[in-house]
Amino acid sequence: MTPMLGIMASGISGNLFSATGGTTTTTGGYKYHVFTSNGNFVMSGAKTVEVLSVGAGGGGGSAISGGGGGGEVDVFSSNSLSLATGTFTVVVGTGGAGATASNVRGSQGGTSSFVGTSANVQSLGGGGGNGSVNGTNRTGGDGGSGGGGSGEGGSTNGGAASGSNTNTGGAGNHDGTGLRAAGGGGGASGAGAAGTSGGSSCVAGAGGAGLTTSTVDSNLSSVTGFSGMTTLSSGGGGAGQTDNSVTTTGGAGGSGAGSGYRETGGSSTPPTASTMFGAGGGGGADASTNKGTAGFAGVVVVRYAV
């Protein structure tokens, strides 16, 4: 009897792991814990887990501004962690606000993180789009992916990128004759496009492409919380404006990101909102009716084999 009892005890001990936190889904051989707000991931027993962490998107600015940059994306395969019993703190970055005052940059998106013993995953939020008319610094904000440069003040630079799956923001351009084209925010898979203006053309920069969720994990489309979330951390489009009849093209946002404001000869189209995790907001024209839109919040997902 003693050997049999030993075998039973061993079998039972192999099934003692459990975890709580977030919204859970089991599919495709994995259990997923999805955090769309701050919380705790609590483990009882040892387990190797993988973490997907996405920083929040940056906000669009005011005064013909660049689009917000997408948040940094740290994918499952880069964060395989052998963890023991414990509580792990999860912070989900808040989307950067669109500019709420004239001539200012949109806010940087918040950092998302998964932190505890033997775990320290940090994903920067995207940089804000810049649109300062009167300021001396019209460069897009730095962040995960950089925000787009202003469409005012000659040629302006996009913001710098930092971290995994990030890219720079696009430059803005003002040709000096009333044609203003801001740059697009950088995305997880591509840089923001530069705005171009001059002669009979005024085209604001498009936001950089994001990272498709199917590339990250083909199961995510079946995971609660990811309905409609086909792309992570696209860049927002820049704003465009002319003081004459030259047709302006506002910058398109990457998939799920905000598109930029467009104005031609007094007729305007407002910037649009971001709708997917980590996406940047669209560049705006002013701080009231056509202000830049906010970036979208980040997300943290923990998965492990079952």
Protein backbone atom coordinates (compact mmCIF):
# COMPACT_ATOMS: atom_id res chain seq x y z
CA MET A 1 0.00 0.00 0.00
CA THR A 2 2.80 2.42 0.76
CA PRO A 3 4.08 2.66 -2.85
CA MET A 4 0.53 3.24 -4.11
CA LEU A 5 -0.05 6.02 -1.60
CA GLY A 6 3.19 7.63 -2.77
CA ILE A 7 2.03 7.60 -6.37
CA MET A 8 -1.33 9.15 -5.45
CA ALA A 9 0.29 11.89 -3.41
CA SER A 10 2.63 12.71 -6.27
CA GLY A 11 -0.24 12.92 -8.72
CA ILE A 12 -2.23 15.17 -6.47
CA SER A 13 0.72 17.49 -5.82
CA GLY A 14 1.11 18.05 -9.57
CA ASN A 15 -2.32 19.71 -9.70
CA LEU A 16 -2.04 22.20 -6.84
CA PHE A 17 -1.39 25.28 -8.96
CA SER A 18 -4.13 27.91 -9.14
CA ALA A 19 -4.30 31.61 -10.04
CA THR A 20 -6.78 34.44 -9.80
CA GLY A 21 -7.04 37.96 -11.20
CA GLY A 22 -8.43 39.70 -14.24
CA THR A 23 -11.01 38.20 -16.60
CA THR A 24 -10.26 34.60 -17.48
CA THR A 25 -10.68 32.53 -20.65
CA THR A 26 -9.43 29.02 -21.40
CA THR A 27 -8.84 28.29 -25.08
CA GLY A 28 -6.29 26.69 -27.38
CA GLY A 29 -4.40 24.95 -24.60
CA TYR A 30 -3.89 28.09 -22.49
CA LYS A 31 -5.65 29.91 -19.70
CA TYR A 32 -5.65 33.70 -20.10
CA HIS A 33 -6.04 36.37 -17.42
CA VAL A 34 -6.88 39.71 -19.06
CA PHE A 35 -6.42 42.97 -17.15
CA THR A 36 -8.01 46.11 -18.57
CA SER A 37 -7.68 47.93 -15.25
CA ASN A 38 -5.29 47.75 -12.31
CA GLY A 39 -5.34 44.60 -10.21
CA ASN A 40 -3.42 41.67 -8.78
CA PHE A 41 -2.43 38.33 -10.27
CA VAL A 42 -2.33 35.91 -7.34
CA MET A 43 -0.59 32.53 -7.69
CA SER A 44 -0.72 29.50 -5.42
CA GLY A 45 2.00 27.09 -6.47
CA ALA A 46 4.79 27.40 -9.01
CA LYS A 47 4.18 27.90 -12.71
CA THR A 48 5.81 29.24 -15.85
CA VAL A 49 3.64 32.04 -17.21
CA GLU A 50 3.96 34.39 -20.16
CA VAL A 51 2.99 38.07 -20.10
CA LEU A 52 1.72 40.36 -22.85
CA SER A 53 1.96 44.00 -21.81
CA VAL A 54 0.85 47.00 -23.88
CA GLY A 55 1.43 50.61 -22.89
CA ALA A 56 -1.33 53.15 -23.51
CA GLY A 57 -1.48 55.34 -26.60
CA GLY A 58 -0.46 59.00 -26.56
CA GLY A 59 -2.96 61.81 -27.05
CA GLY A 60 -3.20 64.18 -30.00
CA GLY A 61 -2.25 67.81 -29.42
CA SER A 62 -3.90 71.10 -30.40
CA ALA A 63 -3.14 73.70 -33.08
CA ILE A 64 -2.58 71.47 -36.15
CA SER A 65 -0.88 68.78 -34.16
CA GLY A 66 0.75 65.45 -34.77
CA GLY A 67 -0.97 62.20 -33.91
CA GLY A 68 -0.25 60.32 -30.70
CA GLY A 69 2.20 57.43 -30.71
CA GLY A 70 1.25 53.84 -29.93
CA GLY A 71 2.28 52.23 -26.66
CA GLU A 72 5.19 49.81 -26.33
CA VAL A 73 4.23 46.16 -26.91
CA ASP A 74 6.04 43.46 -24.93
CA VAL A 75 4.87 40.13 -26.36
CA PHE A 76 4.34 36.76 -24.69
CA SER A 77 7.42 35.15 -26.20
CA SER A 78 9.69 37.83 -24.68
CA ASN A 79 8.31 37.44 -21.16
CA SER A 80 8.36 33.79 -20.13
CA LEU A 81 8.64 33.85 -16.33
CA SER A 82 9.11 30.97 -13.88
CA LEU A 83 7.20 32.17 -10.82
CA ALA A 84 6.36 30.84 -7.37
CA THR A 85 3.46 31.45 -5.01
CA GLY A 86 2.88 35.16 -4.60
CA THR A 87 0.96 38.30 -5.53
CA PHE A 88 1.96 40.25 -8.63
CA THR A 89 0.88 43.85 -9.15
CA VAL A 90 -0.68 44.70 -12.50
CA VAL A 91 -0.93 48.31 -13.69
CA VAL A 92 -2.75 49.14 -16.92
CA GLY A 93 -1.70 52.40 -18.53
CA THR A 94 -4.36 55.08 -19.06
CA GLY A 95 -4.64 56.60 -22.52
CA GLY A 96 -2.90 59.95 -22.90
CA ALA A 97 -5.35 62.86 -22.90
CA GLY A 98 -5.84 65.00 -25.96
CA ALA A 99 -4.61 68.56 -25.49
CA THR A 100 -6.93 70.56 -23.23
CA ALA A 101 -5.31 73.96 -23.77
CA SER A 102 -4.20 75.87 -26.82
CA ASN A 103 -0.77 75.30 -28.33
CA VAL A 104 0.23 72.28 -26.26
CA ARG A 105 1.26 68.68 -26.80
CA GLY A 106 -1.06 65.77 -26.09
CA SER A 107 -0.24 63.76 -22.98
CA GLN A 108 1.96 60.68 -23.02
CA GLY A 109 0.12 57.41 -22.49
CA GLY A 110 0.53 55.61 -19.20
CA THR A 111 2.97 52.76 -18.60
CA SER A 112 1.56 49.24 -18.19
CA SER A 113 3.39 46.82 -15.91
CA PHE A 114 3.49 43.38 -14.29
CA VAL A 115 5.68 43.42 -11.20
CA GLY A 116 6.53 41.04 -8.36
CA THR A 117 9.19 38.59 -7.21
CA SER A 118 11.20 37.54 -10.31
CA ALA A 119 8.93 39.66 -12.53
CA ASN A 120 9.37 43.21 -13.81
CA VAL A 121 7.67 43.88 -17.14
CA GLN A 122 7.30 47.59 -18.03
CA SER A 123 5.71 48.90 -21.24
CA LEU A 124 5.94 52.62 -21.95
CA GLY A 125 3.00 54.67 -23.17
CA GLY A 126 3.12 56.39 -26.55
CA GLY A 127 4.30 59.98 -26.94
CA GLY A 128 1.84 62.84 -27.37
CA GLY A 129 1.41 64.62 -30.68
CA ASN A 130 2.70 68.21 -30.71
CA GLY A 131 1.02 71.25 -32.14
CA SER A 132 2.51 74.30 -30.44
CA VAL A 133 2.01 77.39 -32.60
CA ASN A 134 3.86 79.86 -30.43
CA GLY A 135 6.27 77.59 -28.60
CA THR A 136 9.84 76.96 -29.61
CA ASN A 137 9.62 73.16 -29.19
CA ARG A 138 7.26 71.65 -31.76
CA THR A 139 8.76 68.15 -31.71
CA GLY A 140 6.42 65.23 -31.10
CA GLY A 141 6.57 63.69 -27.65
CA ASP A 142 8.91 60.80 -26.89
CA GLY A 143 7.46 57.58 -25.53
CA GLY A 144 6.98 53.98 -26.52
CA SER A 145 6.37 55.03 -30.11
CA GLY A 146 6.91 58.75 -30.69
CA GLY A 147 4.19 61.33 -31.31
CA GLY A 148 3.96 63.24 -34.58
CA GLY A 149 5.57 66.65 -35.06
CA SER A 150 3.60 69.89 -35.32
CA GLY A 151 2.21 71.26 -38.57
CA GLU A 152 3.44 74.73 -37.59
CA GLY A 153 6.81 76.46 -37.68
CA GLY A 154 8.57 75.03 -40.73
CA SER A 155 9.83 71.46 -40.56
CA THR A 156 9.38 69.79 -37.16
CA ASN A 157 10.59 66.45 -35.85
CA GLY A 158 8.58 63.48 -34.66
CA GLY A 159 9.14 62.04 -31.20
CA ALA A 160 11.70 59.35 -30.41
CA ALA A 161 10.82 55.71 -29.72
CA SER A 162 11.92 53.53 -26.82
CA GLY A 163 11.29 49.87 -26.03
CA SER A 164 10.02 46.78 -27.82
CA ASN A 165 7.92 47.06 -30.98
CA THR A 166 8.09 50.85 -31.17
CA ASN A 167 8.82 53.39 -33.90
CA THR A 168 9.41 57.12 -34.29
CA GLY A 169 6.76 59.72 -34.98
CA GLY A 170 6.59 61.47 -38.34
CA ALA A 171 7.86 65.00 -38.98
CA GLY A 172 5.47 67.89 -39.54
CA ASN A 173 5.73 70.63 -42.16
CA HIS A 174 4.53 74.20 -42.67
CA ASP A 175 5.53 75.62 -46.03
CA GLY A 176 5.04 79.24 -44.93
CA THR A 177 2.13 79.93 -47.29
CA GLY A 178 -0.73 78.69 -45.14
CA LEU A 179 -0.32 74.96 -45.80
CA ARG A 180 0.17 73.01 -42.56
CA ALA A 181 0.64 69.24 -42.35
CA ALA A 182 1.47 67.54 -39.06
CA GLY A 183 3.18 64.15 -38.72
CA GLY A 184 1.60 60.84 -37.76
CA GLY A 185 2.40 59.03 -34.54
CA GLY A 186 4.60 55.96 -34.64
CA GLY A 187 3.08 52.49 -34.35
CA ALA A 188 4.24 49.09 -33.18
CA SER A 189 5.03 47.92 -36.73
CA GLY A 190 5.92 51.15 -38.53
CA ALA A 191 7.01 54.75 -38.16
CA GLY A 192 4.57 57.62 -38.46
CA ALA A 193 4.55 59.26 -41.88
CA ALA A 194 5.77 62.81 -42.34
CA GLY A 195 3.37 65.57 -43.29
CA THR A 196 4.03 67.26 -46.62
CA SER A 197 2.93 70.68 -47.79
CA GLY A 198 3.77 73.00 -50.64
CA GLY A 199 2.40 74.23 -53.95
CA SER A 200 -1.00 72.60 -54.44
CA SER A 201 -0.59 69.79 -51.92
CA CYS A 202 -1.15 69.52 -48.18
CA VAL A 203 -1.11 65.96 -46.83
CA ALA A 204 -0.85 65.27 -43.11
CA GLY A 205 1.13 62.21 -42.02
CA ALA A 206 -0.61 58.88 -41.46
CA GLY A 207 -0.10 56.99 -38.22
CA GLY A 208 2.26 54.03 -38.17
CA ALA A 209 0.87 50.51 -38.44
CA GLY A 210 0.24 48.52 -35.28
CA LEU A 211 0.90 44.87 -34.45
CA THR A 212 -1.91 42.48 -35.38
CA THR A 213 -3.21 40.41 -32.49
CA SER A 214 -3.20 37.28 -34.67
CA THR A 215 0.57 37.70 -35.01
CA VAL A 216 0.96 37.96 -31.24
CA ASP A 217 -1.30 34.96 -30.47
CA SER A 218 -3.90 33.43 -32.76
CA ASN A 219 -6.06 32.59 -29.73
CA LEU A 220 -6.63 36.22 -28.74
CA SER A 221 -9.68 36.61 -30.99
CA SER A 222 -11.42 34.08 -28.74
CA VAL A 223 -10.31 35.64 -25.46
CA THR A 224 -12.79 37.72 -23.44
CA GLY A 225 -11.88 41.39 -23.65
CA PHE A 226 -10.37 41.20 -27.14
CA SER A 227 -13.56 41.31 -29.20
CA GLY A 228 -12.87 43.67 -32.11
CA MET A 229 -9.29 44.23 -30.97
CA THR A 230 -7.52 43.18 -34.14
CA THR A 231 -4.48 45.45 -33.75
CA LEU A 232 -2.27 46.71 -30.92
CA SER A 233 -0.63 50.13 -30.64
CA SER A 234 -1.21 51.84 -33.99
CA GLY A 235 -0.17 55.49 -34.36
CA GLY A 236 -2.65 58.37 -34.63
CA GLY A 237 -2.89 60.49 -37.76
CA GLY A 238 -1.69 64.10 -37.94
CA ALA A 239 -3.83 67.16 -38.58
CA GLY A 240 -3.80 69.18 -41.79
CA GLN A 241 -5.00 72.73 -42.55
CA THR A 242 -4.90 75.25 -45.38
CA ASP A 243 -5.83 78.92 -45.37
CA ASN A 244 -6.91 78.76 -49.02
CA SER A 245 -8.66 76.43 -51.43
CA VAL A 246 -5.89 73.83 -51.65
CA THR A 247 -7.39 70.47 -50.74
CA THR A 248 -6.09 69.09 -47.46
CA THR A 249 -5.80 65.44 -46.53
CA GLY A 250 -5.92 64.67 -42.82
CA GLY A 251 -3.64 61.91 -41.63
CA ALA A 252 -5.32 58.51 -41.35
CA GLY A 253 -4.72 56.68 -38.11
CA GLY A 254 -3.31 53.18 -38.16
CA SER A 255 -5.91 50.47 -37.55
CA GLY A 256 -7.80 51.37 -34.37
CA ALA A 257 -6.03 54.70 -33.89
CA GLY A 258 -7.51 58.19 -34.23
CA SER A 259 -7.36 60.08 -37.52
CA GLY A 260 -6.31 63.72 -37.67
CA TYR A 261 -8.28 66.92 -38.13
CA ARG A 262 -8.68 68.27 -41.67
CA GLU A 263 -9.57 71.78 -42.81
CA THR A 264 -9.80 73.23 -46.28
CA GLY A 265 -11.12 76.72 -46.96
CA GLY A 266 -13.17 76.86 -43.76
CA SER A 267 -14.72 73.39 -44.16
CA SER A 268 -13.44 70.97 -41.57
CA THR A 269 -13.57 67.37 -40.38
CA PRO A 270 -12.83 66.70 -36.70
CA PRO A 271 -10.28 64.17 -35.49
CA THR A 272 -11.59 60.72 -34.61
CA ALA A 273 -11.21 58.61 -31.49
CA SER A 274 -8.89 55.66 -30.95
CA THR A 275 -10.60 52.31 -30.39
CA MET A 276 -7.98 49.60 -29.82
CA PHE A 277 -5.48 48.79 -27.06
CA GLY A 278 -2.42 51.04 -27.05
CA ALA A 279 -3.50 53.14 -30.04
CA GLY A 280 -2.65 56.84 -30.40
CA GLY A 281 -5.17 59.68 -30.65
CA GLY A 282 -5.74 61.86 -33.70
CA GLY A 283 -4.11 65.27 -34.07
CA GLY A 284 -6.37 68.27 -33.43
CA ALA A 285 -6.77 71.89 -34.44
CA ASP A 286 -7.61 73.68 -31.20
CA ALA A 287 -8.41 72.96 -27.57
CA SER A 288 -12.20 73.24 -27.79
CA THR A 289 -14.38 71.69 -30.49
CA ASN A 290 -11.58 70.13 -32.53
CA LYS A 291 -9.02 69.22 -29.90
CA GLY A 292 -6.83 66.17 -30.33
CA THR A 293 -8.37 62.90 -29.22
CA ALA A 294 -7.14 60.70 -26.40
CA GLY A 295 -5.01 57.62 -26.80
CA PHE A 296 -6.53 54.24 -25.93
CA ALA A 297 -5.68 52.44 -22.71
CA GLY A 298 -3.18 49.62 -22.56
CA VAL A 299 -3.74 46.02 -21.52
CA VAL A 300 -1.90 43.27 -19.63
CA VAL A 301 -2.52 39.56 -20.29
CA VAL A 302 -1.06 36.59 -18.42
CA ARG A 303 -1.25 33.14 -20.02
CA TYR A 304 -0.06 29.66 -19.08
CA ALA A 305 -0.47 26.18 -20.47
CA VAL A 306 -3.30 24.02 -19.11
